PDB file of all heavy atoms in Angstrom:
ATOM      1  N   THR A   1     388.271 192.903  30.165  1.00  0.00           N
ATOM      2  CA  THR A   1     389.089 191.974  30.919  1.00  0.00           C
ATOM      3  C   THR A   1     388.234 190.761  31.270  1.00  0.00           C
ATOM      4  O   THR A   1     387.072 190.895  31.615  1.00  0.00           O
ATOM      5  CB  THR A   1     389.674 192.560  32.221  1.00  0.00           C
ATOM      6  OG1 THR A   1     388.615 192.931  33.080  1.00  0.00           O
ATOM      7  CG2 THR A   1     390.564 193.761  31.921  1.00  0.00           C
ATOM      8  N   LEU A   2     388.869 189.594  31.195  1.00  0.00           N
ATOM      9  CA  LEU A   2     388.190 188.345  31.468  1.00  0.00           C
ATOM     10  C   LEU A   2     389.151 187.336  32.047  1.00  0.00           C
ATOM     11  O   LEU A   2     390.261 187.177  31.543  1.00  0.00           O
ATOM     12  CB  LEU A   2     387.580 187.748  30.169  1.00  0.00           C
ATOM     13  CG  LEU A   2     386.902 186.390  30.264  1.00  0.00           C
ATOM     14  CD1 LEU A   2     385.668 186.472  31.136  1.00  0.00           C
ATOM     15  CD2 LEU A   2     386.562 185.893  28.877  1.00  0.00           C
ATOM     16  N   SER A   3     388.763 186.695  33.136  1.00  0.00           N
ATOM     17  CA  SER A   3     389.557 185.639  33.711  1.00  0.00           C
ATOM     18  C   SER A   3     388.788 184.337  33.696  1.00  0.00           C
ATOM     19  O   SER A   3     387.680 184.248  34.217  1.00  0.00           O
ATOM     20  CB  SER A   3     389.977 185.973  35.153  1.00  0.00           C
ATOM     21  OG  SER A   3     390.764 184.932  35.684  1.00  0.00           O
ATOM     22  N   LEU A   4     389.398 183.320  33.101  1.00  0.00           N
ATOM     23  CA  LEU A   4     388.804 181.983  33.035  1.00  0.00           C
ATOM     24  C   LEU A   4     389.735 180.975  33.728  1.00  0.00           C
ATOM     25  O   LEU A   4     389.640 179.778  33.489  1.00  0.00           O
ATOM     26  CB  LEU A   4     388.577 181.556  31.579  1.00  0.00           C
ATOM     27  CG  LEU A   4     387.619 182.396  30.783  1.00  0.00           C
ATOM     28  CD1 LEU A   4     387.561 181.948  29.305  1.00  0.00           C
ATOM     29  CD2 LEU A   4     386.212 182.380  31.396  1.00  0.00           C
ATOM     30  N   THR A   5     390.631 181.458  34.569  1.00  0.00           N
ATOM     31  CA  THR A   5     391.613 180.626  35.255  1.00  0.00           C
ATOM     32  C   THR A   5     390.967 179.446  35.961  1.00  0.00           C
ATOM     33  O   THR A   5     389.976 179.591  36.668  1.00  0.00           O
ATOM     34  CB  THR A   5     392.404 181.473  36.278  1.00  0.00           C
ATOM     35  OG1 THR A   5     393.062 182.504  35.563  1.00  0.00           O
ATOM     36  CG2 THR A   5     393.417 180.648  37.025  1.00  0.00           C
ATOM     37  N   GLY A   6     391.557 178.276  35.734  1.00  0.00           N
ATOM     38  CA  GLY A   6     391.154 177.075  36.489  1.00  0.00           C
ATOM     39  C   GLY A   6     389.866 176.409  36.034  1.00  0.00           C
ATOM     40  O   GLY A   6     389.405 175.495  36.675  1.00  0.00           O
ATOM     41  N   ILE A   7     389.273 176.835  34.929  1.00  0.00           N
ATOM     42  CA  ILE A   7     388.084 176.182  34.434  1.00  0.00           C
ATOM     43  C   ILE A   7     388.530 175.030  33.557  1.00  0.00           C
ATOM     44  O   ILE A   7     389.332 175.202  32.641  1.00  0.00           O
ATOM     45  CB  ILE A   7     387.207 177.177  33.605  1.00  0.00           C
ATOM     46  CG1 ILE A   7     386.694 178.281  34.506  1.00  0.00           C
ATOM     47  CG2 ILE A   7     386.041 176.446  32.970  1.00  0.00           C
ATOM     48  CD1 ILE A   7     385.940 179.350  33.781  1.00  0.00           C
ATOM     49  N   LEU A   8     388.029 173.876  33.799  1.00  0.00           N
ATOM     50  CA  LEU A   8     388.436 172.668  33.079  1.00  0.00           C
ATOM     51  C   LEU A   8     387.701 172.520  31.744  1.00  0.00           C
ATOM     52  O   LEU A   8     387.173 171.486  31.391  1.00  0.00           O
ATOM     53  CB  LEU A   8     388.263 171.425  33.950  1.00  0.00           C
ATOM     54  CG  LEU A   8     389.082 171.434  35.242  1.00  0.00           C
ATOM     55  CD1 LEU A   8     388.773 170.201  36.056  1.00  0.00           C
ATOM     56  CD2 LEU A   8     390.572 171.544  34.948  1.00  0.00           C
ATOM     57  N   LEU A   9     387.734 173.582  31.003  1.00  0.00           N
ATOM     58  CA  LEU A   9     387.018 173.701  29.734  1.00  0.00           C
ATOM     59  C   LEU A   9     387.719 172.830  28.693  1.00  0.00           C
ATOM     60  O   LEU A   9     388.919 172.921  28.498  1.00  0.00           O
ATOM     61  CB  LEU A   9     387.015 175.183  29.310  1.00  0.00           C
ATOM     62  CG  LEU A   9     386.323 175.560  28.043  1.00  0.00           C
ATOM     63  CD1 LEU A   9     384.836 175.215  28.128  1.00  0.00           C
ATOM     64  CD2 LEU A   9     386.495 177.046  27.787  1.00  0.00           C
ATOM     65  N   THR A  10     386.937 172.018  27.970  1.00  0.00           N
ATOM     66  CA  THR A  10     387.503 171.165  26.915  1.00  0.00           C
ATOM     67  C   THR A  10     386.869 171.425  25.565  1.00  0.00           C
ATOM     68  O   THR A  10     387.368 170.868  24.571  1.00  0.00           O
ATOM     69  CB  THR A  10     387.307 169.663  27.293  1.00  0.00           C
ATOM     70  OG1 THR A  10     385.912 169.429  27.485  1.00  0.00           O
ATOM     71  CG2 THR A  10     388.094 169.310  28.550  1.00  0.00           C
ATOM     72  N   ASP A  11     385.812 172.208  25.492  1.00  0.00           N
ATOM     73  CA  ASP A  11     385.163 172.463  24.196  1.00  0.00           C
ATOM     74  C   ASP A  11     385.878 173.570  23.470  1.00  0.00           C
ATOM     75  O   ASP A  11     385.695 174.765  23.732  1.00  0.00           O
ATOM     76  CB  ASP A  11     383.698 172.845  24.431  1.00  0.00           C
ATOM     77  CG  ASP A  11     382.917 172.842  23.129  1.00  0.00           C
ATOM     78  OD1 ASP A  11     383.421 173.393  22.147  1.00  0.00           O
ATOM     79  OD2 ASP A  11     381.793 172.346  23.131  1.00  0.00           O
ATOM     80  N   GLU A  12     386.738 173.183  22.561  1.00  0.00           N
ATOM     81  CA  GLU A  12     387.590 174.127  21.845  1.00  0.00           C
ATOM     82  C   GLU A  12     386.767 175.111  20.986  1.00  0.00           C
ATOM     83  O   GLU A  12     387.096 176.312  20.927  1.00  0.00           O
ATOM     84  CB  GLU A  12     388.588 173.360  20.938  1.00  0.00           C
ATOM     85  CG  GLU A  12     389.642 174.245  20.371  1.00  0.00           C
ATOM     86  CD  GLU A  12     390.717 173.436  19.666  1.00  0.00           C
ATOM     87  OE1 GLU A  12     391.380 172.633  20.328  1.00  0.00           O
ATOM     88  OE2 GLU A  12     390.878 173.625  18.436  1.00  0.00           O
ATOM     89  N   THR A  13     385.704 174.665  20.396  1.00  0.00           N
ATOM     90  CA  THR A  13     384.867 175.530  19.561  1.00  0.00           C
ATOM     91  C   THR A  13     384.257 176.669  20.360  1.00  0.00           C
ATOM     92  O   THR A  13     384.332 177.836  19.967  1.00  0.00           O
ATOM     93  CB  THR A  13     383.759 174.716  18.870  1.00  0.00           C
ATOM     94  OG1 THR A  13     384.370 173.692  18.088  1.00  0.00           O
ATOM     95  CG2 THR A  13     382.894 175.612  17.992  1.00  0.00           C
ATOM     96  N   ILE A  14     383.702 176.361  21.495  1.00  0.00           N
ATOM     97  CA  ILE A  14     383.080 177.421  22.333  1.00  0.00           C
ATOM     98  C   ILE A  14     384.152 178.357  22.840  1.00  0.00           C
ATOM     99  O   ILE A  14     383.949 179.564  22.803  1.00  0.00           O
ATOM    100  CB  ILE A  14     382.302 176.774  23.506  1.00  0.00           C
ATOM    101  CG1 ILE A  14     381.030 176.094  22.961  1.00  0.00           C
ATOM    102  CG2 ILE A  14     381.928 177.832  24.537  1.00  0.00           C
ATOM    103  CD1 ILE A  14     380.221 175.361  24.001  1.00  0.00           C
ATOM    104  N   PHE A  15     385.298 177.823  23.243  1.00  0.00           N
ATOM    105  CA  PHE A  15     386.392 178.664  23.715  1.00  0.00           C
ATOM    106  C   PHE A  15     386.830 179.672  22.671  1.00  0.00           C
ATOM    107  O   PHE A  15     386.926 180.871  22.916  1.00  0.00           O
ATOM    108  CB  PHE A  15     387.546 177.781  24.199  1.00  0.00           C
ATOM    109  CG  PHE A  15     388.786 178.529  24.564  1.00  0.00           C
ATOM    110  CD1 PHE A  15     388.837 179.247  25.747  1.00  0.00           C
ATOM    111  CD2 PHE A  15     389.889 178.515  23.762  1.00  0.00           C
ATOM    112  CE1 PHE A  15     389.975 179.951  26.117  1.00  0.00           C
ATOM    113  CE2 PHE A  15     391.046 179.206  24.098  1.00  0.00           C
ATOM    114  CZ  PHE A  15     391.074 179.922  25.283  1.00  0.00           C
ATOM    115  N   ILE A  16     387.093 179.159  21.489  1.00  0.00           N
ATOM    116  CA  ILE A  16     387.550 180.044  20.386  1.00  0.00           C
ATOM    117  C   ILE A  16     386.510 181.081  20.016  1.00  0.00           C
ATOM    118  O   ILE A  16     386.806 182.269  19.896  1.00  0.00           O
ATOM    119  CB  ILE A  16     387.960 179.187  19.159  1.00  0.00           C
ATOM    120  CG1 ILE A  16     389.204 178.362  19.488  1.00  0.00           C
ATOM    121  CG2 ILE A  16     388.155 180.056  17.925  1.00  0.00           C
ATOM    122  CD1 ILE A  16     389.510 177.287  18.433  1.00  0.00           C
ATOM    123  N   GLU A  17     385.249 180.636  19.819  1.00  0.00           N
ATOM    124  CA  GLU A  17     384.198 181.550  19.459  1.00  0.00           C
ATOM    125  C   GLU A  17     383.959 182.603  20.536  1.00  0.00           C
ATOM    126  O   GLU A  17     383.687 183.772  20.242  1.00  0.00           O
ATOM    127  CB  GLU A  17     382.941 180.792  19.134  1.00  0.00           C
ATOM    128  CG  GLU A  17     383.037 180.038  17.837  1.00  0.00           C
ATOM    129  CD  GLU A  17     381.808 179.209  17.510  1.00  0.00           C
ATOM    130  OE1 GLU A  17     380.834 179.226  18.301  1.00  0.00           O
ATOM    131  OE2 GLU A  17     381.838 178.492  16.491  1.00  0.00           O
ATOM    132  N   CYS A  18     384.075 182.219  21.796  1.00  0.00           N
ATOM    133  CA  CYS A  18     383.894 183.176  22.901  1.00  0.00           C
ATOM    134  C   CYS A  18     384.925 184.267  22.823  1.00  0.00           C
ATOM    135  O   CYS A  18     384.599 185.447  22.863  1.00  0.00           O
ATOM    136  CB  CYS A  18     384.039 182.415  24.233  1.00  0.00           C
ATOM    137  SG  CYS A  18     384.216 183.508  25.666  1.00  0.00           S
ATOM    138  N   LEU A  19     386.192 183.915  22.671  1.00  0.00           N
ATOM    139  CA  LEU A  19     387.258 184.941  22.628  1.00  0.00           C
ATOM    140  C   LEU A  19     387.195 185.747  21.338  1.00  0.00           C
ATOM    141  O   LEU A  19     387.534 186.939  21.329  1.00  0.00           O
ATOM    142  CB  LEU A  19     388.608 184.296  22.829  1.00  0.00           C
ATOM    143  CG  LEU A  19     388.844 183.699  24.203  1.00  0.00           C
ATOM    144  CD1 LEU A  19     390.245 183.125  24.311  1.00  0.00           C
ATOM    145  CD2 LEU A  19     388.653 184.776  25.302  1.00  0.00           C
ATOM    146  N   GLN A  20     386.782 185.148  20.250  1.00  0.00           N
ATOM    147  CA  GLN A  20     386.737 185.865  18.981  1.00  0.00           C
ATOM    148  C   GLN A  20     385.625 186.936  18.952  1.00  0.00           C
ATOM    149  O   GLN A  20     385.794 187.980  18.394  1.00  0.00           O
ATOM    150  CB  GLN A  20     386.491 184.909  17.803  1.00  0.00           C
ATOM    151  CG  GLN A  20     387.729 184.085  17.476  1.00  0.00           C
ATOM    152  CD  GLN A  20     387.495 183.117  16.352  1.00  0.00           C
ATOM    153  OE1 GLN A  20     386.353 182.714  16.057  1.00  0.00           O
ATOM    154  NE2 GLN A  20     388.565 182.700  15.713  1.00  0.00           N
ATOM    155  N   ARG A  21     384.507 186.667  19.643  1.00  0.00           N
ATOM    156  CA  ARG A  21     383.411 187.624  19.609  1.00  0.00           C
ATOM    157  C   ARG A  21     383.605 188.782  20.615  1.00  0.00           C
ATOM    158  O   ARG A  21     382.946 189.778  20.487  1.00  0.00           O
ATOM    159  CB  ARG A  21     382.036 186.932  19.844  1.00  0.00           C
ATOM    160  CG  ARG A  21     381.845 186.326  21.161  1.00  0.00           C
ATOM    161  CD  ARG A  21     380.460 185.697  21.281  1.00  0.00           C
ATOM    162  NE  ARG A  21     379.400 186.659  21.441  1.00  0.00           N
ATOM    163  CZ  ARG A  21     379.090 187.284  22.559  1.00  0.00           C
ATOM    164  NH1 ARG A  21     379.790 187.033  23.663  1.00  0.00           N
ATOM    165  NH2 ARG A  21     378.086 188.107  22.620  1.00  0.00           N
ATOM    166  N   LEU A  22     384.531 188.652  21.551  1.00  0.00           N
ATOM    167  CA  LEU A  22     384.757 189.710  22.518  1.00  0.00           C
ATOM    168  C   LEU A  22     385.770 190.676  21.941  1.00  0.00           C
ATOM    169  O   LEU A  22     386.949 190.693  22.308  1.00  0.00           O
ATOM    170  CB  LEU A  22     385.260 189.111  23.834  1.00  0.00           C
ATOM    171  CG  LEU A  22     384.246 188.186  24.547  1.00  0.00           C
ATOM    172  CD1 LEU A  22     384.846 187.584  25.808  1.00  0.00           C
ATOM    173  CD2 LEU A  22     382.972 188.943  24.879  1.00  0.00           C
ATOM    174  N   ARG A  23     385.350 191.481  21.027  1.00  0.00           N
ATOM    175  CA  ARG A  23     386.207 192.391  20.260  1.00  0.00           C
ATOM    176  C   ARG A  23     386.908 193.462  21.110  1.00  0.00           C
ATOM    177  O   ARG A  23     387.929 193.985  20.721  1.00  0.00           O
ATOM    178  CB  ARG A  23     385.428 193.054  19.147  1.00  0.00           C
ATOM    179  CG  ARG A  23     384.755 192.069  18.240  1.00  0.00           C
ATOM    180  CD  ARG A  23     385.250 192.253  16.864  1.00  0.00           C
ATOM    181  NE  ARG A  23     384.641 191.259  15.971  1.00  0.00           N
ATOM    182  CZ  ARG A  23     385.344 190.649  15.075  1.00  0.00           C
ATOM    183  NH1 ARG A  23     386.594 190.895  14.937  1.00  0.00           N
ATOM    184  NH2 ARG A  23     384.750 189.750  14.308  1.00  0.00           N
ATOM    185  N   ASN A  24     386.324 193.814  22.254  1.00  0.00           N
ATOM    186  CA  ASN A  24     386.899 194.844  23.127  1.00  0.00           C
ATOM    187  C   ASN A  24     387.885 194.280  24.153  1.00  0.00           C
ATOM    188  O   ASN A  24     388.472 195.036  24.906  1.00  0.00           O
ATOM    189  CB  ASN A  24     385.816 195.622  23.839  1.00  0.00           C
ATOM    190  CG  ASN A  24     384.945 196.417  22.880  1.00  0.00           C
ATOM    191  OD1 ASN A  24     385.471 197.034  21.967  1.00  0.00           O
ATOM    192  ND2 ASN A  24     383.643 196.370  23.078  1.00  0.00           N
ATOM    193  N   LEU A  25     388.047 192.958  24.149  1.00  0.00           N
ATOM    194  CA  LEU A  25     388.887 192.285  25.151  1.00  0.00           C
ATOM    195  C   LEU A  25     390.361 192.730  24.986  1.00  0.00           C
ATOM    196  O   LEU A  25     390.915 192.640  23.891  1.00  0.00           O
ATOM    197  CB  LEU A  25     388.745 190.773  24.987  1.00  0.00           C
ATOM    198  CG  LEU A  25     389.191 189.940  26.162  1.00  0.00           C
ATOM    199  CD1 LEU A  25     388.384 190.234  27.441  1.00  0.00           C
ATOM    200  CD2 LEU A  25     389.090 188.462  25.843  1.00  0.00           C
ATOM    201  N   ARG A  26     390.916 193.201  26.090  1.00  0.00           N
ATOM    202  CA  ARG A  26     392.314 193.620  26.094  1.00  0.00           C
ATOM    203  C   ARG A  26     393.161 192.766  26.980  1.00  0.00           C
ATOM    204  O   ARG A  26     394.391 192.712  26.808  1.00  0.00           O
ATOM    205  CB  ARG A  26     392.413 195.093  26.569  1.00  0.00           C
ATOM    206  CG  ARG A  26     391.686 196.081  25.683  1.00  0.00           C
ATOM    207  CD  ARG A  26     392.357 196.249  24.336  1.00  0.00           C
ATOM    208  NE  ARG A  26     391.551 197.038  23.438  1.00  0.00           N
ATOM    209  CZ  ARG A  26     390.961 196.569  22.356  1.00  0.00           C
ATOM    210  NH1 ARG A  26     391.088 195.336  22.041  1.00  0.00           N
ATOM    211  NH2 ARG A  26     390.248 197.355  21.573  1.00  0.00           N
ATOM    212  N   GLU A  27     392.550 192.079  27.938  1.00  0.00           N
ATOM    213  CA  GLU A  27     393.303 191.232  28.865  1.00  0.00           C
ATOM    214  C   GLU A  27     392.486 189.997  29.167  1.00  0.00           C
ATOM    215  O   GLU A  27     391.306 190.074  29.482  1.00  0.00           O
ATOM    216  CB  GLU A  27     393.567 192.006  30.157  1.00  0.00           C
ATOM    217  CG  GLU A  27     394.338 191.206  31.191  1.00  0.00           C
ATOM    218  CD  GLU A  27     394.529 191.956  32.485  1.00  0.00           C
ATOM    219  OE1 GLU A  27     394.360 193.175  32.528  1.00  0.00           O
ATOM    220  OE2 GLU A  27     394.855 191.268  33.466  1.00  0.00           O
ATOM    221  N   ALA A  28     393.143 188.840  29.069  1.00  0.00           N
ATOM    222  CA  ALA A  28     392.479 187.585  29.368  1.00  0.00           C
ATOM    223  C   ALA A  28     393.434 186.703  30.177  1.00  0.00           C
ATOM    224  O   ALA A  28     394.587 186.488  29.777  1.00  0.00           O
ATOM    225  CB  ALA A  28     392.065 186.843  28.099  1.00  0.00           C
ATOM    226  N   LYS A  29     392.972 186.234  31.318  1.00  0.00           N
ATOM    227  CA  LYS A  29     393.748 185.306  32.138  1.00  0.00           C
ATOM    228  C   LYS A  29     393.233 183.907  31.828  1.00  0.00           C
ATOM    229  O   LYS A  29     392.051 183.607  32.127  1.00  0.00           O
ATOM    230  CB  LYS A  29     393.611 185.655  33.615  1.00  0.00           C
ATOM    231  CG  LYS A  29     394.237 186.983  33.937  1.00  0.00           C
ATOM    232  CD  LYS A  29     394.077 187.315  35.402  1.00  0.00           C
ATOM    233  CE  LYS A  29     394.673 188.710  35.674  1.00  0.00           C
ATOM    234  NZ  LYS A  29     394.417 189.124  37.031  1.00  0.00           N
ATOM    235  N   LEU A  30     394.084 183.053  31.287  1.00  0.00           N
ATOM    236  CA  LEU A  30     393.641 181.777  30.798  1.00  0.00           C
ATOM    237  C   LEU A  30     394.475 180.626  31.384  1.00  0.00           C
ATOM    238  O   LEU A  30     394.678 179.616  30.745  1.00  0.00           O
ATOM    239  CB  LEU A  30     393.744 181.756  29.268  1.00  0.00           C
ATOM    240  CG  LEU A  30     392.990 182.883  28.538  1.00  0.00           C
ATOM    241  CD1 LEU A  30     393.270 182.867  27.042  1.00  0.00           C
ATOM    242  CD2 LEU A  30     391.498 182.780  28.787  1.00  0.00           C
ATOM    243  N   CYS A  31     394.940 180.795  32.585  1.00  0.00           N
ATOM    244  CA  CYS A  31     395.803 179.782  33.221  1.00  0.00           C
ATOM    245  C   CYS A  31     395.008 178.518  33.556  1.00  0.00           C
ATOM    246  O   CYS A  31     393.895 178.569  34.039  1.00  0.00           O
ATOM    247  CB  CYS A  31     396.409 180.326  34.502  1.00  0.00           C
ATOM    248  SG  CYS A  31     397.362 181.816  34.278  1.00  0.00           S
ATOM    249  N   GLY A  32     395.613 177.365  33.264  1.00  0.00           N
ATOM    250  CA  GLY A  32     395.003 176.106  33.678  1.00  0.00           C
ATOM    251  C   GLY A  32     393.828 175.648  32.858  1.00  0.00           C
ATOM    252  O   GLY A  32     393.010 174.883  33.333  1.00  0.00           O
ATOM    253  N   LEU A  33     393.735 176.065  31.630  1.00  0.00           N
ATOM    254  CA  LEU A  33     392.643 175.658  30.750  1.00  0.00           C
ATOM    255  C   LEU A  33     393.151 174.544  29.820  1.00  0.00           C
ATOM    256  O   LEU A  33     394.018 174.773  29.022  1.00  0.00           O
ATOM    257  CB  LEU A  33     392.149 176.800  29.866  1.00  0.00           C
ATOM    258  CG  LEU A  33     391.129 177.730  30.538  1.00  0.00           C
ATOM    259  CD1 LEU A  33     391.878 178.839  31.208  1.00  0.00           C
ATOM    260  CD2 LEU A  33     390.179 178.227  29.545  1.00  0.00           C
ATOM    261  N   PRO A  34     392.559 173.358  29.941  1.00  0.00           N
ATOM    262  CA  PRO A  34     392.983 172.265  29.028  1.00  0.00           C
ATOM    263  C   PRO A  34     392.739 172.574  27.563  1.00  0.00           C
ATOM    264  O   PRO A  34     393.438 172.066  26.692  1.00  0.00           O
ATOM    265  CB  PRO A  34     392.113 171.060  29.447  1.00  0.00           C
ATOM    266  CG  PRO A  34     391.501 171.420  30.738  1.00  0.00           C
ATOM    267  CD  PRO A  34     391.534 172.912  30.867  1.00  0.00           C
ATOM    268  N   VAL A  35     391.787 173.447  27.286  1.00  0.00           N
ATOM    269  CA  VAL A  35     391.422 173.790  25.925  1.00  0.00           C
ATOM    270  C   VAL A  35     392.448 174.722  25.270  1.00  0.00           C
ATOM    271  O   VAL A  35     392.487 174.874  24.046  1.00  0.00           O
ATOM    272  CB  VAL A  35     390.011 174.414  25.877  1.00  0.00           C
ATOM    273  CG1 VAL A  35     390.013 175.835  26.417  1.00  0.00           C
ATOM    274  CG2 VAL A  35     389.439 174.350  24.507  1.00  0.00           C
ATOM    275  N   LEU A  36     393.306 175.324  26.053  1.00  0.00           N
ATOM    276  CA  LEU A  36     394.312 176.231  25.541  1.00  0.00           C
ATOM    277  C   LEU A  36     395.473 175.418  25.003  1.00  0.00           C
ATOM    278  O   LEU A  36     396.252 174.834  25.736  1.00  0.00           O
ATOM    279  CB  LEU A  36     394.783 177.214  26.605  1.00  0.00           C
ATOM    280  CG  LEU A  36     395.744 178.324  26.146  1.00  0.00           C
ATOM    281  CD1 LEU A  36     395.064 179.159  25.039  1.00  0.00           C
ATOM    282  CD2 LEU A  36     396.123 179.189  27.316  1.00  0.00           C
ATOM    283  N   ASN A  37     395.561 175.367  23.665  1.00  0.00           N
ATOM    284  CA  ASN A  37     396.638 174.640  23.013  1.00  0.00           C
ATOM    285  C   ASN A  37     397.105 175.431  21.802  1.00  0.00           C
ATOM    286  O   ASN A  37     396.625 176.556  21.579  1.00  0.00           O
ATOM    287  CB  ASN A  37     396.142 173.230  22.609  1.00  0.00           C
ATOM    288  CG  ASN A  37     394.938 173.278  21.741  1.00  0.00           C
ATOM    289  OD1 ASN A  37     394.824 174.062  20.797  1.00  0.00           O
ATOM    290  ND2 ASN A  37     393.941 172.425  22.037  1.00  0.00           N
ATOM    291  N   ASP A  38     398.038 174.865  21.053  1.00  0.00           N
ATOM    292  CA  ASP A  38     398.581 175.613  19.904  1.00  0.00           C
ATOM    293  C   ASP A  38     397.478 176.004  18.924  1.00  0.00           C
ATOM    294  O   ASP A  38     397.468 177.118  18.423  1.00  0.00           O
ATOM    295  CB  ASP A  38     399.647 174.784  19.181  1.00  0.00           C
ATOM    296  CG  ASP A  38     400.898 174.621  20.003  1.00  0.00           C
ATOM    297  OD1 ASP A  38     401.102 175.364  20.972  1.00  0.00           O
ATOM    298  OD2 ASP A  38     401.696 173.744  19.654  1.00  0.00           O
ATOM    299  N   ASN A  39     396.562 175.094  18.632  1.00  0.00           N
ATOM    300  CA  ASN A  39     395.510 175.365  17.659  1.00  0.00           C
ATOM    301  C   ASN A  39     394.558 176.462  18.146  1.00  0.00           C
ATOM    302  O   ASN A  39     394.271 177.393  17.422  1.00  0.00           O
ATOM    303  CB  ASN A  39     394.725 174.113  17.337  1.00  0.00           C
ATOM    304  CG  ASN A  39     393.630 174.388  16.342  1.00  0.00           C
ATOM    305  OD1 ASN A  39     393.875 174.884  15.246  1.00  0.00           O
ATOM    306  ND2 ASN A  39     392.398 174.098  16.748  1.00  0.00           N
TER     307      ASN A  39
END
């Protein structure tokens, strides 16, 4: 489980690679992240 709620993260590459490498992740709270988009 990981919560990144409210972090004004804009680096899409780091965000994607972070979530991709966490293979055991079952729950992620990602509210309010500017980096969270369709892509």
